Structure formats: C-alpha cells, structure tokens
C-alpha cells in the first residue's frame, strides 16, 4: 500500500502532472484507512524537502503565518479537547495542513486549467474546521460536508455546502466568494455568516453576523430580485412552500454551536431530537408522537447526552431509556 500511495503522490505533485493525476492524489485524503501512510509520506517529504529558491521559502513562510494567525484568532476549547495530550496531534494536523496548502498554491500558481475541488467532512457528533489558502475559515457542524475550490469554474472562490457551516471569509473584491446551497447562492466579499442547509430539514437558514451578503436565485428557486442582507438579519426559506422570510435575530443564538454551545429558543421537541442526534452522534426515537410539539428553552455547553436528557426531563413531561444503541423518549403521562 505504501508504494501505491507514494506513486500516486509523486505523480500528483510532478510538474508535468495532468488533471487526472491531481484528482487521484487528492482522492487519497478521502480514504480514512490510508490516513497514517499518507501522513507518514508527507511528513517525511516535508523534513527532506530542499527549498531551492528564496521565493519558494517565502511562500511557505507566508502560508504558515496566515494559518497560524487564523488558528490563534479563532482558538476555542471543545469539551472533548485535551490540549496537553493532543500536542503531537496538533503538530501533525498543522504540518499536513501546511503541506496541503503548499500543494494548493503550487497547482494554483502553475495555472491548471481545470478547477480542483477539495472536500471536508464533519461526521455526526463532531465539529471540523478548514482554513482555506486565502485564510478564510470555515467551521462545519456535525454531519456536514463541503466541496470547495479557490479557483472555481468562473475563477471565483466557491463552496458547495451540505449541512451547516459558519464562514469567516477573507476580503478580496477581485475574487468573489460564493456558497452554493440547493435553493440559492450566498455571495460574499468578506464577512461572517452562518448557513444551515441540511437535506432533511424543512428550511434553509442563513444568518448574518458581520458585513454584507447577497442571496441570489438558482435553478431550484427564483427570487423576484436578489436579497441583500444586513448584520443581525436571518433569511429562512421554506423548502415546501418556497417562501423566503427575512427577520431580525440575535446571531449568537444561531452560531453558538461553533463554540460548543447550543441555545434553544422555543424549539419544539421534534427539531430538538434531530439536533441532539447530530451533535452527539446518537439515534433517538420518540415513542409518543403527541409530545413532539412540546417546546424547550435552554442552553447546552459541556453536558453529556444523558445530562441533557435529564435537563429536558426536568422541564418537559417526558421519560427516556436506553435500549441497545438507541435512546427512546416517551410521555411521562
């Protein structure tokens, strides 16, 4: 396997590589079982790589500074994160991120005609971060994925989103940033905003924290005109009714998940169950349908799923039990 991986990586990084070589190389990063061999190969290459020109070294140092400053700026603590025990892991992730960034810059600067897309996935029960080469930051919520390119079909920065993500986009007026959802596109210059677009949800929700964004029509949904959003506004699109509503909200209520905190404001039990399944990576079955319309207000930060269920149980007339790998919720009456 190691020789096979080495061959693919060497071909993908060669100066005379073609688009298919590049595609095969980056597809390796989507295969978890090959993660260790890939990291070992890239780490060894990093240690032995002779930088032959001051220009190459300068680009690498610039990328390092951008990545590190973004990490420091957005530094946060998750409940499951133990800093002292994860120092080697942090170093490995940073090194692999830098290598990947250097690869991205290499292919971009060498003007490959076909846009190259990269994927990031946050499995159920976890949150993932991606720092793009332009220093934009994307945080993916549980059970979400993105496909992105720094030089898309029209030369723009573009992201295809499935699920939920928070964006902090680096300003570049010459190169717009577009987030594609199944129903509309979000056009950005440089700003902070959140997009929730799970396939299974009834609504697509976009919440603006800072800056300005523009919602544009796609083939699946036509606006009468483009929608320009201001900070503190939230756009809610009903997939069934195909109706868009703009309202004023406290953005922190809808973006707190990225800081491992969730705020519930009059949320019905049906939506709450879906959220808990994603956050904790569990399966929940509500046995009493009449309780699905019960509503809950509260804040979850570092609590376990059992602690959360106990809090809900003390507030709403429900009981729960664990049956095998599933949590069952029933009416207390």
C-alpha atoms as a PDB file:
ATOM      1  CA  UNK A   1       0.000   0.000   0.000  1.00  0.00           C
ATOM      2  CA  UNK A   2       2.845   2.413   0.857  1.00  0.00           C
ATOM      3  CA  UNK A   3       4.392   2.053  -2.623  1.00  0.00           C
ATOM      4  CA  UNK A   4       0.988   2.602  -4.214  1.00  0.00           C
ATOM      5  CA  UNK A   5       0.388   5.782  -2.187  1.00  0.00           C
ATOM      6  CA  UNK A   6       3.911   7.035  -2.901  1.00  0.00           C
ATOM      7  CA  UNK A   7       3.364   6.544  -6.627  1.00  0.00           C
ATOM      8  CA  UNK A   8       0.083   8.484  -6.613  1.00  0.00           C
ATOM      9  CA  UNK A   9       1.523  11.335  -4.523  1.00  0.00           C
ATOM     10  CA  UNK A  10       4.657  11.593  -6.644  1.00  0.00           C
ATOM     11  CA  UNK A  11       2.661  11.712  -9.883  1.00  0.00           C
ATOM     12  CA  UNK A  12       0.206  14.239  -8.468  1.00  0.00           C
ATOM     13  CA  UNK A  13       2.968  16.603  -7.383  1.00  0.00           C
ATOM     14  CA  UNK A  14       5.103  16.293 -10.514  1.00  0.00           C
ATOM     15  CA  UNK A  15       5.496  19.425 -12.630  1.00  0.00           C
ATOM     16  CA  UNK A  16       4.222  17.578 -15.725  1.00  0.00           C
ATOM     17  CA  UNK A  17       1.173  16.141 -13.910  1.00  0.00           C
ATOM     18  CA  UNK A  18      -2.234  16.187 -15.559  1.00  0.00           C
ATOM     19  CA  UNK A  19      -5.662  16.772 -14.029  1.00  0.00           C
ATOM     20  CA  UNK A  20      -6.293  13.035 -13.534  1.00  0.00           C
ATOM     21  CA  UNK A  21      -3.034  12.689 -11.556  1.00  0.00           C
ATOM     22  CA  UNK A  22      -4.120  15.559  -9.290  1.00  0.00           C
ATOM     23  CA  UNK A  23      -7.616  14.125  -8.831  1.00  0.00           C
ATOM     24  CA  UNK A  24      -6.244  10.712  -7.791  1.00  0.00           C
ATOM     25  CA  UNK A  25      -3.834  12.349  -5.348  1.00  0.00           C
ATOM     26  CA  UNK A  26      -6.490  14.358  -3.536  1.00  0.00           C
ATOM     27  CA  UNK A  27      -8.930  11.452  -3.520  1.00  0.00           C
ATOM     28  CA  UNK A  28      -6.449   9.708  -1.209  1.00  0.00           C
ATOM     29  CA  UNK A  29      -7.394  12.184   1.521  1.00  0.00           C
ATOM     30  CA  UNK A  30     -10.982  10.894   1.426  1.00  0.00           C
ATOM     31  CA  UNK A  31      -9.943   7.344   2.375  1.00  0.00           C
ATOM     32  CA  UNK A  32      -9.571   7.115   6.205  1.00  0.00           C
ATOM     33  CA  UNK A  33      -7.831   3.745   6.113  1.00  0.00           C
ATOM     34  CA  UNK A  34      -4.891   5.314   4.251  1.00  0.00           C
ATOM     35  CA  UNK A  35      -4.537   8.297   6.585  1.00  0.00           C
ATOM     36  CA  UNK A  36      -1.480   7.040   8.509  1.00  0.00           C
ATOM     37  CA  UNK A  37       0.526   6.091   5.402  1.00  0.00           C
ATOM     38  CA  UNK A  38      -0.289   9.407   3.706  1.00  0.00           C
ATOM     39  CA  UNK A  39       0.713  11.466   6.746  1.00  0.00           C
ATOM     40  CA  UNK A  40       3.941   9.486   7.123  1.00  0.00           C
ATOM     41  CA  UNK A  41       4.834  10.022   3.474  1.00  0.00           C
ATOM     42  CA  UNK A  42       4.059  13.756   3.536  1.00  0.00           C
ATOM     43  CA  UNK A  43       5.838  14.258   6.850  1.00  0.00           C
ATOM     44  CA  UNK A  44       8.984  12.584   5.532  1.00  0.00           C
ATOM     45  CA  UNK A  45       8.811  14.709   2.378  1.00  0.00           C
ATOM     46  CA  UNK A  46       8.455  17.863   4.457  1.00  0.00           C
ATOM     47  CA  UNK A  47      11.554  17.047   6.514  1.00  0.00           C
ATOM     48  CA  UNK A  48      13.677  16.201   3.483  1.00  0.00           C
ATOM     49  CA  UNK A  49      12.420  18.817   1.017  1.00  0.00           C
ATOM     50  CA  UNK A  50      15.229  21.214  -0.011  1.00  0.00           C
ATOM     51  CA  UNK A  51      13.811  24.661  -0.738  1.00  0.00           C
ATOM     52  CA  UNK A  52      15.865  25.661  -3.747  1.00  0.00           C
ATOM     53  CA  UNK A  53      14.808  29.292  -4.011  1.00  0.00           C
ATOM     54  CA  UNK A  54      14.088  32.163  -1.658  1.00  0.00           C
ATOM     55  CA  UNK A  55      10.759  32.694  -3.422  1.00  0.00           C
ATOM     56  CA  UNK A  56       9.504  29.185  -2.608  1.00  0.00           C
ATOM     57  CA  UNK A  57      10.564  29.541   1.029  1.00  0.00           C
ATOM     58  CA  UNK A  58       8.842  32.922   1.272  1.00  0.00           C
ATOM     59  CA  UNK A  59       5.548  31.473   0.032  1.00  0.00           C
ATOM     60  CA  UNK A  60       5.739  28.673   2.567  1.00  0.00           C
ATOM     61  CA  UNK A  61       6.507  31.063   5.419  1.00  0.00           C
ATOM     62  CA  UNK A  62       3.639  33.323   4.350  1.00  0.00           C
ATOM     63  CA  UNK A  63       1.244  30.379   4.314  1.00  0.00           C
ATOM     64  CA  UNK A  64       2.475  29.307   7.736  1.00  0.00           C
ATOM     65  CA  UNK A  65       1.924  32.767   9.219  1.00  0.00           C
ATOM     66  CA  UNK A  66      -1.581  33.038   7.760  1.00  0.00           C
ATOM     67  CA  UNK A  67      -2.563  29.603   9.013  1.00  0.00           C
ATOM     68  CA  UNK A  68      -1.120  30.103  12.479  1.00  0.00           C
ATOM     69  CA  UNK A  69      -2.626  33.581  12.936  1.00  0.00           C
ATOM     70  CA  UNK A  70      -6.035  32.244  11.926  1.00  0.00           C
ATOM     71  CA  UNK A  71      -5.748  29.362  14.386  1.00  0.00           C
ATOM     72  CA  UNK A  72      -4.756  31.734  17.202  1.00  0.00           C
ATOM     73  CA  UNK A  73      -7.515  34.197  16.331  1.00  0.00           C
ATOM     74  CA  UNK A  74     -10.227  31.536  16.342  1.00  0.00           C
ATOM     75  CA  UNK A  75      -8.794  29.471  19.188  1.00  0.00           C
ATOM     76  CA  UNK A  76     -11.550  27.715  21.136  1.00  0.00           C
ATOM     77  CA  UNK A  77     -11.939  24.861  23.605  1.00  0.00           C
ATOM     78  CA  UNK A  78     -14.220  21.897  22.975  1.00  0.00           C
ATOM     79  CA  UNK A  79     -15.400  19.588  25.713  1.00  0.00           C
ATOM     80  CA  UNK A  80     -13.605  16.599  24.219  1.00  0.00           C
ATOM     81  CA  UNK A  81     -10.333  18.501  23.563  1.00  0.00           C
ATOM     82  CA  UNK A  82      -7.401  17.865  25.911  1.00  0.00           C
ATOM     83  CA  UNK A  83      -4.561  20.217  24.970  1.00  0.00           C
ATOM     84  CA  UNK A  84      -1.677  18.520  26.735  1.00  0.00           C
ATOM     85  CA  UNK A  85      -2.486  15.060  25.435  1.00  0.00           C
ATOM     86  CA  UNK A  86      -3.059  16.294  21.882  1.00  0.00           C
ATOM     87  CA  UNK A  87       0.087  18.321  21.213  1.00  0.00           C
ATOM     88  CA  UNK A  88       1.513  15.663  18.826  1.00  0.00           C
ATOM     89  CA  UNK A  89      -1.835  15.515  17.030  1.00  0.00           C
ATOM     90  CA  UNK A  90      -1.958  19.305  16.697  1.00  0.00           C
ATOM     91  CA  UNK A  91       1.538  19.317  15.222  1.00  0.00           C
ATOM     92  CA  UNK A  92       0.617  16.565  12.771  1.00  0.00           C
ATOM     93  CA  UNK A  93      -2.568  18.327  11.673  1.00  0.00           C
ATOM     94  CA  UNK A  94      -0.740  21.639  11.256  1.00  0.00           C
ATOM     95  CA  UNK A  95       2.016  20.016   9.219  1.00  0.00           C
ATOM     96  CA  UNK A  96      -0.443  18.171   6.975  1.00  0.00           C
ATOM     97  CA  UNK A  97      -2.490  21.366   6.605  1.00  0.00           C
ATOM     98  CA  UNK A  98       0.608  23.301   5.578  1.00  0.00           C
ATOM     99  CA  UNK A  99       1.657  20.618   3.094  1.00  0.00           C
ATOM    100  CA  UNK A 100      -1.829  20.603   1.594  1.00  0.00           C
ATOM    101  CA  UNK A 101      -1.771  24.395   1.439  1.00  0.00           C
ATOM    102  CA  UNK A 102       1.582  24.356  -0.349  1.00  0.00           C
ATOM    103  CA  UNK A 103       0.150  21.846  -2.834  1.00  0.00           C
ATOM    104  CA  UNK A 104      -2.867  24.090  -3.406  1.00  0.00           C
ATOM    105  CA  UNK A 105      -0.658  27.110  -4.042  1.00  0.00           C
ATOM    106  CA  UNK A 106       1.597  25.070  -6.290  1.00  0.00           C
ATOM    107  CA  UNK A 107      -1.246  23.976  -8.545  1.00  0.00           C
ATOM    108  CA  UNK A 108      -2.887  27.393  -8.467  1.00  0.00           C
ATOM    109  CA  UNK A 109       0.310  29.226  -9.360  1.00  0.00           C
ATOM    110  CA  UNK A 110       1.030  26.724 -12.122  1.00  0.00           C
ATOM    111  CA  UNK A 111      -2.367  27.572 -13.692  1.00  0.00           C
ATOM    112  CA  UNK A 112      -4.025  24.207 -14.060  1.00  0.00           C
ATOM    113  CA  UNK A 113      -6.990  24.957 -16.308  1.00  0.00           C
ATOM    114  CA  UNK A 114      -9.461  22.617 -14.663  1.00  0.00           C
ATOM    115  CA  UNK A 115     -10.570  23.790 -11.192  1.00  0.00           C
ATOM    116  CA  UNK A 116      -9.579  21.452  -8.388  1.00  0.00           C
ATOM    117  CA  UNK A 117     -12.114  20.780  -5.638  1.00  0.00           C
ATOM    118  CA  UNK A 118     -11.297  19.678  -2.096  1.00  0.00           C
ATOM    119  CA  UNK A 119     -13.655  18.086   0.417  1.00  0.00           C
ATOM    120  CA  UNK A 120     -14.053  18.447   4.186  1.00  0.00           C
ATOM    121  CA  UNK A 121     -16.472  16.356   6.262  1.00  0.00           C
ATOM    122  CA  UNK A 122     -17.641  16.634   9.878  1.00  0.00           C
ATOM    123  CA  UNK A 123     -19.125  13.255  10.950  1.00  0.00           C
ATOM    124  CA  UNK A 124     -22.075  13.030  13.304  1.00  0.00           C
ATOM    125  CA  UNK A 125     -21.059  14.004  16.822  1.00  0.00           C
ATOM    126  CA  UNK A 126     -18.129  16.220  15.813  1.00  0.00           C
ATOM    127  CA  UNK A 127     -17.177  19.666  14.503  1.00  0.00           C
ATOM    128  CA  UNK A 128     -14.487  20.285  11.869  1.00  0.00           C
ATOM    129  CA  UNK A 129     -12.527  23.339  10.784  1.00  0.00           C
ATOM    130  CA  UNK A 130     -10.995  24.200   7.426  1.00  0.00           C
ATOM    131  CA  UNK A 131      -8.590  27.099   6.821  1.00  0.00           C
ATOM    132  CA  UNK A 132      -8.543  27.930   3.112  1.00  0.00           C
ATOM    133  CA  UNK A 133      -5.383  29.153   1.355  1.00  0.00           C
ATOM    134  CA  UNK A 134      -6.789  32.709   1.283  1.00  0.00           C
ATOM    135  CA  UNK A 135      -7.029  32.464   5.124  1.00  0.00           C
ATOM    136  CA  UNK A 136     -10.850  32.198   5.093  1.00  0.00           C
ATOM    137  CA  UNK A 137     -12.135  29.994   7.908  1.00  0.00           C
ATOM    138  CA  UNK A 138     -14.994  27.501   7.623  1.00  0.00           C
ATOM    139  CA  UNK A 139     -16.335  25.607  10.648  1.00  0.00           C
ATOM    140  CA  UNK A 140     -18.559  22.624   9.834  1.00  0.00           C
ATOM    141  CA  UNK A 141     -21.280  21.478  12.176  1.00  0.00           C
ATOM    142  CA  UNK A 142     -21.982  17.819  12.842  1.00  0.00           C
ATOM    143  CA  UNK A 143     -22.973  15.668   9.832  1.00  0.00           C
ATOM    144  CA  UNK A 144     -21.947  18.362   7.338  1.00  0.00           C
ATOM    145  CA  UNK A 145     -19.626  18.465   4.346  1.00  0.00           C
ATOM    146  CA  UNK A 146     -18.267  20.997   1.892  1.00  0.00           C
ATOM    147  CA  UNK A 147     -16.622  20.823  -1.507  1.00  0.00           C
ATOM    148  CA  UNK A 148     -14.602  23.924  -2.298  1.00  0.00           C
ATOM    149  CA  UNK A 149     -12.241  25.446  -4.808  1.00  0.00           C
ATOM    150  CA  UNK A 150     -10.021  28.518  -4.604  1.00  0.00           C
ATOM    151  CA  UNK A 151     -10.316  28.933  -8.375  1.00  0.00           C
ATOM    152  CA  UNK A 152     -13.717  27.640  -9.492  1.00  0.00           C
ATOM    153  CA  UNK A 153     -15.368  27.480 -12.894  1.00  0.00           C
ATOM    154  CA  UNK A 154     -15.517  31.288 -13.266  1.00  0.00           C
ATOM    155  CA  UNK A 155     -12.281  31.947 -11.386  1.00  0.00           C
ATOM    156  CA  UNK A 156     -14.187  32.630  -8.159  1.00  0.00           C
ATOM    157  CA  UNK A 157     -13.822  31.139  -4.701  1.00  0.00           C
ATOM    158  CA  UNK A 158     -16.744  28.762  -4.282  1.00  0.00           C
ATOM    159  CA  UNK A 159     -18.102  26.306  -1.725  1.00  0.00           C
ATOM    160  CA  UNK A 160     -20.809  23.669  -2.150  1.00  0.00           C
ATOM    161  CA  UNK A 161     -22.457  23.060   1.225  1.00  0.00           C
ATOM    162  CA  UNK A 162     -24.403  20.075   2.567  1.00  0.00           C
ATOM    163  CA  UNK A 163     -25.409  20.619   6.194  1.00  0.00           C
ATOM    164  CA  UNK A 164     -24.396  23.604   8.323  1.00  0.00           C
ATOM    165  CA  UNK A 165     -21.304  25.784   8.354  1.00  0.00           C
ATOM    166  CA  UNK A 166     -20.071  29.093   9.773  1.00  0.00           C
ATOM    167  CA  UNK A 167     -17.912  31.230   7.500  1.00  0.00           C
ATOM    168  CA  UNK A 168     -15.338  33.932   8.171  1.00  0.00           C
ATOM    169  CA  UNK A 169     -14.411  34.998   4.643  1.00  0.00           C
ATOM    170  CA  UNK A 170     -11.235  36.917   3.827  1.00  0.00           C
ATOM    171  CA  UNK A 171     -11.932  40.060   1.803  1.00  0.00           C
ATOM    172  CA  UNK A 172     -10.966  40.003  -1.855  1.00  0.00           C
ATOM    173  CA  UNK A 173     -13.152  42.199  -4.066  1.00  0.00           C
ATOM    174  CA  UNK A 174     -11.424  40.940  -7.184  1.00  0.00           C
ATOM    175  CA  UNK A 175     -12.332  37.340  -6.355  1.00  0.00           C
ATOM    176  CA  UNK A 176     -15.881  36.859  -5.001  1.00  0.00           C
ATOM    177  CA  UNK A 177     -16.722  34.059  -2.583  1.00  0.00           C
ATOM    178  CA  UNK A 178     -19.918  32.065  -3.282  1.00  0.00           C
ATOM    179  CA  UNK A 179     -21.628  29.447  -1.116  1.00  0.00           C
ATOM    180  CA  UNK A 180     -23.922  27.167  -3.116  1.00  0.00           C
ATOM    181  CA  UNK A 181     -26.987  25.629  -1.422  1.00  0.00           C
ATOM    182  CA  UNK A 182     -29.697  23.527  -3.090  1.00  0.00           C
ATOM    183  CA  UNK A 183     -32.058  26.541  -3.307  1.00  0.00           C
ATOM    184  CA  UNK A 184     -29.941  29.694  -3.543  1.00  0.00           C
ATOM    185  CA  UNK A 185     -26.391  31.046  -3.666  1.00  0.00           C
ATOM    186  CA  UNK A 186     -24.813  33.248  -0.998  1.00  0.00           C
ATOM    187  CA  UNK A 187     -22.467  35.858  -2.494  1.00  0.00           C
ATOM    188  CA  UNK A 188     -19.815  37.293  -0.204  1.00  0.00           C
ATOM    189  CA  UNK A 189     -16.986  39.813  -0.302  1.00  0.00           C
ATOM    190  CA  UNK A 190     -15.675  39.417   3.252  1.00  0.00           C
ATOM    191  CA  UNK A 191     -17.842  38.765   6.264  1.00  0.00           C
ATOM    192  CA  UNK A 192     -19.058  36.372   8.966  1.00  0.00           C
ATOM    193  CA  UNK A 193     -22.240  34.376   8.498  1.00  0.00           C
ATOM    194  CA  UNK A 194     -23.885  31.001   9.077  1.00  0.00           C
ATOM    195  CA  UNK A 195     -25.718  28.778   6.588  1.00  0.00           C
ATOM    196  CA  UNK A 196     -27.850  25.819   7.649  1.00  0.00           C
ATOM    197  CA  UNK A 197     -28.882  23.663   4.688  1.00  0.00           C
ATOM    198  CA  UNK A 198     -29.352  20.035   5.732  1.00  0.00           C
ATOM    199  CA  UNK A 199     -31.151  17.912   3.134  1.00  0.00           C
ATOM    200  CA  UNK A 200     -33.504  16.501   5.761  1.00  0.00           C
ATOM    201  CA  UNK A 201     -34.547  19.896   7.200  1.00  0.00           C
ATOM    202  CA  UNK A 202     -37.642  21.756   6.058  1.00  0.00           C
ATOM    203  CA  UNK A 203     -35.867  25.104   5.995  1.00  0.00           C
ATOM    204  CA  UNK A 204     -32.640  26.645   4.712  1.00  0.00           C
ATOM    205  CA  UNK A 205     -31.469  29.335   7.114  1.00  0.00           C
ATOM    206  CA  UNK A 206     -28.813  31.995   6.554  1.00  0.00           C
ATOM    207  CA  UNK A 207     -27.790  34.240   9.455  1.00  0.00           C
ATOM    208  CA  UNK A 208     -25.516  37.263   9.003  1.00  0.00           C
ATOM    209  CA  UNK A 209     -23.183  38.387  11.813  1.00  0.00           C
ATOM    210  CA  UNK A 210     -20.887  40.919  10.143  1.00  0.00           C
ATOM    211  CA  UNK A 211     -20.514  42.546   6.739  1.00  0.00           C
ATOM    212  CA  UNK A 212     -22.959  42.038   3.885  1.00  0.00           C
ATOM    213  CA  UNK A 213     -24.136  39.097   1.805  1.00  0.00           C
ATOM    214  CA  UNK A 214     -26.410  38.783  -1.210  1.00  0.00           C
ATOM    215  CA  UNK A 215     -28.752  35.831  -1.799  1.00  0.00           C
ATOM    216  CA  UNK A 216     -29.117  35.008  -5.488  1.00  0.00           C
ATOM    217  CA  UNK A 217     -31.544  32.718  -7.297  1.00  0.00           C
ATOM    218  CA  UNK A 218     -30.590  29.304  -8.632  1.00  0.00           C
ATOM    219  CA  UNK A 219     -32.444  26.879 -10.862  1.00  0.00           C
ATOM    220  CA  UNK A 220     -34.453  25.423  -7.962  1.00  0.00           C
ATOM    221  CA  UNK A 221     -35.807  28.693  -6.590  1.00  0.00           C
ATOM    222  CA  UNK A 222     -36.306  32.101  -8.185  1.00  0.00           C
ATOM    223  CA  UNK A 223     -36.264  35.347  -6.220  1.00  0.00           C
ATOM    224  CA  UNK A 224     -38.157  38.336  -7.583  1.00  0.00           C
ATOM    225  CA  UNK A 225     -34.844  40.140  -7.037  1.00  0.00           C
ATOM    226  CA  UNK A 226     -31.568  39.494  -5.239  1.00  0.00           C
ATOM    227  CA  UNK A 227     -31.825  39.699  -1.445  1.00  0.00           C
ATOM    228  CA  UNK A 228     -29.264  41.967   0.250  1.00  0.00           C
ATOM    229  CA  UNK A 229     -28.826  41.083   3.926  1.00  0.00           C
ATOM    230  CA  UNK A 230     -27.580  43.287   6.778  1.00  0.00           C
ATOM    231  CA  UNK A 231     -25.915  42.203  10.059  1.00  0.00           C
ATOM    232  CA  UNK A 232     -28.427  40.786  12.525  1.00  0.00           C
ATOM    233  CA  UNK A 233     -30.765  39.547   9.802  1.00  0.00           C
ATOM    234  CA  UNK A 234     -31.757  35.946   9.147  1.00  0.00           C
ATOM    235  CA  UNK A 235     -33.217  34.548   5.922  1.00  0.00           C
ATOM    236  CA  UNK A 236     -35.464  31.496   6.335  1.00  0.00           C
ATOM    237  CA  UNK A 237     -36.575  29.659   3.200  1.00  0.00           C
ATOM    238  CA  UNK A 238     -39.339  27.050   3.416  1.00  0.00           C
ATOM    239  CA  UNK A 239     -38.457  24.242   1.013  1.00  0.00           C
ATOM    240  CA  UNK A 240     -42.078  23.089   0.753  1.00  0.00           C
ATOM    241  CA  UNK A 241     -43.757  26.474   0.351  1.00  0.00           C
ATOM    242  CA  UNK A 242     -40.765  28.078  -1.387  1.00  0.00           C
ATOM    243  CA  UNK A 243     -41.336  31.217   0.632  1.00  0.00           C
ATOM    244  CA  UNK A 244     -38.491  33.375   1.951  1.00  0.00           C
ATOM    245  CA  UNK A 245     -38.790  35.309   5.210  1.00  0.00           C
ATOM    246  CA  UNK A 246     -36.297  37.901   6.478  1.00  0.00           C
ATOM    247  CA  UNK A 247     -36.289  38.681  10.202  1.00  0.00           C
ATOM    248  CA  UNK A 248     -34.076  40.324  12.795  1.00  0.00           C
ATOM    249  CA  UNK A 249     -32.402  37.951  15.267  1.00  0.00           C
ATOM    250  CA  UNK A 250     -29.542  37.717  17.728  1.00  0.00           C
ATOM    251  CA  UNK A 251     -26.954  35.966  15.501  1.00  0.00           C
ATOM    252  CA  UNK A 252     -25.135  34.500  18.523  1.00  0.00           C
ATOM    253  CA  UNK A 253     -28.139  32.268  19.222  1.00  0.00           C
ATOM    254  CA  UNK A 254     -27.688  30.609  15.843  1.00  0.00           C
ATOM    255  CA  UNK A 255     -23.884  30.473  15.638  1.00  0.00           C
ATOM    256  CA  UNK A 256     -23.034  29.461  19.230  1.00  0.00           C
ATOM    257  CA  UNK A 257     -22.729  25.811  18.137  1.00  0.00           C
ATOM    258  CA  UNK A 258     -19.250  26.574  16.760  1.00  0.00           C
ATOM    259  CA  UNK A 259     -18.141  27.330  20.321  1.00  0.00           C
ATOM    260  CA  UNK A 260     -19.615  24.015  21.503  1.00  0.00           C
ATOM    261  CA  UNK A 261     -22.650  25.783  22.955  1.00  0.00           C
ATOM    262  CA  UNK A 262     -26.224  25.451  21.745  1.00  0.00           C
ATOM    263  CA  UNK A 263     -29.008  27.878  22.631  1.00  0.00           C
ATOM    264  CA  UNK A 264     -32.593  26.662  22.350  1.00  0.00           C
ATOM    265  CA  UNK A 265     -35.288  29.311  21.968  1.00  0.00           C
ATOM    266  CA  UNK A 266     -38.823  27.897  21.918  1.00  0.00           C
ATOM    267  CA  UNK A 267     -37.622  24.830  19.977  1.00  0.00           C
ATOM    268  CA  UNK A 268     -40.121  22.002  19.560  1.00  0.00           C
ATOM    269  CA  UNK A 269     -39.115  18.508  20.640  1.00  0.00           C
ATOM    270  CA  UNK A 270     -39.184  17.226  17.074  1.00  0.00           C
ATOM    271  CA  UNK A 271     -36.433  19.645  15.966  1.00  0.00           C
ATOM    272  CA  UNK A 272     -34.590  19.224  19.261  1.00  0.00           C
ATOM    273  CA  UNK A 273     -34.284  15.464  18.712  1.00  0.00           C
ATOM    274  CA  UNK A 274     -32.733  15.994  15.267  1.00  0.00           C
ATOM    275  CA  UNK A 275     -30.247  18.484  16.695  1.00  0.00           C
ATOM    276  CA  UNK A 276     -29.226  16.149  19.543  1.00  0.00           C
ATOM    277  CA  UNK A 277     -28.751  13.236  17.142  1.00  0.00           C
ATOM    278  CA  UNK A 278     -26.353  15.311  15.058  1.00  0.00           C
ATOM    279  CA  UNK A 279     -24.468  16.832  17.970  1.00  0.00           C
ATOM    280  CA  UNK A 280     -23.917  13.638  19.941  1.00  0.00           C
ATOM    281  CA  UNK A 281     -23.951  11.073  17.112  1.00  0.00           C
ATOM    282  CA  UNK A 282     -26.805   9.074  18.669  1.00  0.00           C
ATOM    283  CA  UNK A 283     -30.107   7.635  17.454  1.00  0.00           C
ATOM    284  CA  UNK A 284     -33.244   8.837  19.240  1.00  0.00           C
ATOM    285  CA  UNK A 285     -36.766   7.504  18.770  1.00  0.00           C
ATOM    286  CA  UNK A 286     -39.796   9.351  20.140  1.00  0.00           C
ATOM    287  CA  UNK A 287     -42.376   6.697  21.026  1.00  0.00           C
ATOM    288  CA  UNK A 288     -45.181   9.134  21.904  1.00  0.00           C
ATOM    289  CA  UNK A 289     -45.998  11.317  18.903  1.00  0.00           C
ATOM    290  CA  UNK A 290     -48.171  13.705  20.933  1.00  0.00           C
ATOM    291  CA  UNK A 291     -45.109  15.125  22.711  1.00  0.00           C
ATOM    292  CA  UNK A 292     -43.289  16.163  19.519  1.00  0.00           C
ATOM    293  CA  UNK A 293     -44.865  19.622  19.639  1.00  0.00           C
ATOM    294  CA  UNK A 294     -43.668  20.358  23.164  1.00  0.00           C
ATOM    295  CA  UNK A 295     -41.262  23.330  23.262  1.00  0.00           C
ATOM    296  CA  UNK A 296     -37.999  23.768  25.132  1.00  0.00           C
ATOM    297  CA  UNK A 297     -35.803  26.751  26.089  1.00  0.00           C
ATOM    298  CA  UNK A 298     -32.285  26.276  27.409  1.00  0.00           C
ATOM    299  CA  UNK A 299     -28.530  26.264  26.846  1.00  0.00           C
ATOM    300  CA  UNK A 300     -26.241  23.261  26.362  1.00  0.00           C
ATOM    301  CA  UNK A 301     -22.487  23.650  26.638  1.00  0.00           C
ATOM    302  CA  UNK A 302     -20.374  20.836  28.067  1.00  0.00           C
ATOM    303  CA  UNK A 303     -23.147  18.455  29.118  1.00  0.00           C
ATOM    304  CA  UNK A 304     -23.198  14.829  28.019  1.00  0.00           C
ATOM    305  CA  UNK A 305     -26.245  13.467  26.181  1.00  0.00           C
ATOM    306  CA  UNK A 306     -27.504  11.891  29.407  1.00  0.00           C
ATOM    307  CA  UNK A 307     -27.139  15.181  31.275  1.00  0.00           C
ATOM    308  CA  UNK A 308     -29.047  16.933  28.515  1.00  0.00           C
ATOM    309  CA  UNK A 309     -31.850  14.374  28.631  1.00  0.00           C
ATOM    310  CA  UNK A 310     -32.080  14.828  32.388  1.00  0.00           C
ATOM    311  CA  UNK A 311     -32.407  18.604  31.930  1.00  0.00           C
ATOM    312  CA  UNK A 312     -35.157  18.150  29.353  1.00  0.00           C
ATOM    313  CA  UNK A 313     -36.873  15.590  31.555  1.00  0.00           C
ATOM    314  CA  UNK A 314     -36.963  18.075  34.437  1.00  0.00           C
ATOM    315  CA  UNK A 315     -38.578  20.679  32.176  1.00  0.00           C
ATOM    316  CA  UNK A 316     -40.927  18.691  29.940  1.00  0.00           C
ATOM    317  CA  UNK A 317     -43.280  15.799  30.779  1.00  0.00           C
ATOM    318  CA  UNK A 318     -41.093  13.089  29.250  1.00  0.00           C
ATOM    319  CA  UNK A 319     -39.184   9.960  30.220  1.00  0.00           C
ATOM    320  CA  UNK A 320     -36.321   8.299  28.406  1.00  0.00           C
ATOM    321  CA  UNK A 321     -34.494   4.991  28.417  1.00  0.00           C
ATOM    322  CA  UNK A 322     -31.554   3.472  26.563  1.00  0.00           C
ATOM    323  CA  UNK A 323     -32.385   0.358  24.560  1.00  0.00           C
ATOM    324  CA  UNK A 324     -29.307  -1.172  22.925  1.00  0.00           C
ATOM    325  CA  UNK A 325     -27.735   1.573  20.806  1.00  0.00           C
ATOM    326  CA  UNK A 326     -30.865   3.731  20.766  1.00  0.00           C
ATOM    327  CA  UNK A 327     -32.454   6.279  23.098  1.00  0.00           C
ATOM    328  CA  UNK A 328     -36.235   6.046  23.424  1.00  0.00           C
ATOM    329  CA  UNK A 329     -38.297   9.024  24.607  1.00  0.00           C
ATOM    330  CA  UNK A 330     -41.835   8.560  25.887  1.00  0.00           C
ATOM    331  CA  UNK A 331     -44.523  10.664  27.518  1.00  0.00           C
ATOM    332  CA  UNK A 332     -44.408  10.864  31.309  1.00  0.00           C
ATOM    333  CA  UNK A 333     -48.219  10.592  31.476  1.00  0.00           C
END
